[in-house]
Amino acid sequence: MRSDTRVRNTRRAAAGAEWSKISTVPTDVAVIILFALAGFLLGGTYTTWKTARPLSIALAVCAVLAAAGALAWWLG
């Protein structure tokens, strides 16, 4: 009975390891995507600065958050 439990646990662990390989995004890709998002948001900030200041400020805040998230993910 003990060996049967051990076999089931081993299969479960192997299935969990396989699932984690499939479902995770490489860290470098996520960091690049977040930096690209920050760049697009900064571009929108620059574009809307003269016509819609509140929107421009909101875009700048989102850009800073995206860049900070990318740095935290990269260093963490």
Protein backbone atom coordinates (compact mmCIF):
# COMPACT_ATOMS: atom_id res chain seq x y z
CA MET A 1 0.00 0.00 0.00
CA ARG A 2 2.84 2.38 0.73
CA SER A 3 4.47 1.87 -2.68
CA ASP A 4 1.13 2.56 -4.38
CA THR A 5 0.87 5.91 -2.59
CA ARG A 6 4.46 6.72 -3.48
CA VAL A 7 3.79 6.00 -7.17
CA ARG A 8 0.72 8.25 -7.18
CA ASN A 9 2.63 11.08 -5.51
CA THR A 10 5.45 10.72 -8.02
CA ARG A 11 3.01 10.87 -10.93
CA ARG A 12 1.32 13.92 -9.41
CA ALA A 13 4.67 15.68 -8.96
CA ALA A 14 5.67 14.89 -12.54
CA ALA A 15 2.36 16.18 -13.86
CA GLY A 16 2.76 19.36 -11.79
CA ALA A 17 6.28 19.90 -13.10
CA GLU A 18 5.09 19.44 -16.68
CA TRP A 19 2.21 21.88 -16.14
CA SER A 20 4.51 24.53 -14.70
CA LYS A 21 6.81 24.28 -17.73
CA ILE A 22 3.91 24.87 -20.10
CA SER A 23 2.09 27.65 -18.27
CA THR A 24 4.91 29.97 -17.25
CA VAL A 25 6.09 32.90 -19.34
CA PRO A 26 9.84 33.41 -19.40
CA THR A 27 10.83 36.32 -17.19
CA ASP A 28 12.65 38.13 -19.98
CA VAL A 29 9.56 38.20 -22.20
CA ALA A 30 7.37 39.67 -19.46
CA VAL A 31 9.95 42.35 -18.69
CA ILE A 32 10.27 43.29 -22.37
CA ILE A 33 6.49 43.48 -22.75
CA LEU A 34 6.18 45.73 -19.69
CA PHE A 35 8.96 48.04 -20.91
CA ALA A 36 7.30 48.20 -24.35
CA LEU A 37 3.98 49.06 -22.70
CA ALA A 38 5.70 51.82 -20.72
CA GLY A 39 7.15 53.17 -23.96
CA PHE A 40 3.78 53.24 -25.69
CA LEU A 41 2.23 54.96 -22.69
CA LEU A 42 5.00 57.57 -22.66
CA GLY A 43 4.39 58.16 -26.36
CA GLY A 44 0.72 58.71 -25.63
CA THR A 45 1.66 61.08 -22.83
CA TYR A 46 3.80 63.15 -25.17
CA THR A 47 1.11 63.18 -27.85
CA THR A 48 -1.78 64.24 -25.62
CA TRP A 49 0.12 66.76 -23.46
CA LYS A 50 -1.17 69.92 -25.19
CA THR A 51 -4.74 68.79 -25.86
CA ALA A 52 -5.77 66.72 -22.81
CA ARG A 53 -3.62 67.29 -19.75
CA PRO A 54 -5.56 65.05 -17.31
CA LEU A 55 -5.40 62.11 -19.73
CA SER A 56 -1.73 62.79 -20.32
CA ILE A 57 -1.00 62.75 -16.59
CA ALA A 58 -2.94 59.48 -16.20
CA LEU A 59 -0.94 57.93 -19.04
CA ALA A 60 2.31 59.09 -17.44
CA VAL A 61 1.34 57.51 -14.13
CA CYS A 62 0.51 54.24 -15.89
CA ALA A 63 3.83 54.37 -17.75
CA VAL A 64 5.74 54.81 -14.50
CA LEU A 65 3.84 51.90 -12.94
CA ALA A 66 4.59 49.66 -15.94
CA ALA A 67 8.29 50.56 -15.86
CA ALA A 68 8.45 50.03 -12.10
CA GLY A 69 6.73 46.66 -12.49
CA ALA A 70 9.21 45.66 -15.18
CA LEU A 71 12.16 46.62 -12.99
CA ALA A 72 10.70 44.82 -9.97
CA TRP A 73 10.06 41.69 -12.02
CA TRP A 74 13.53 41.81 -13.56
CA LEU A 75 15.37 42.33 -10.26
CA GLY A 76 13.09 40.14 -8.16
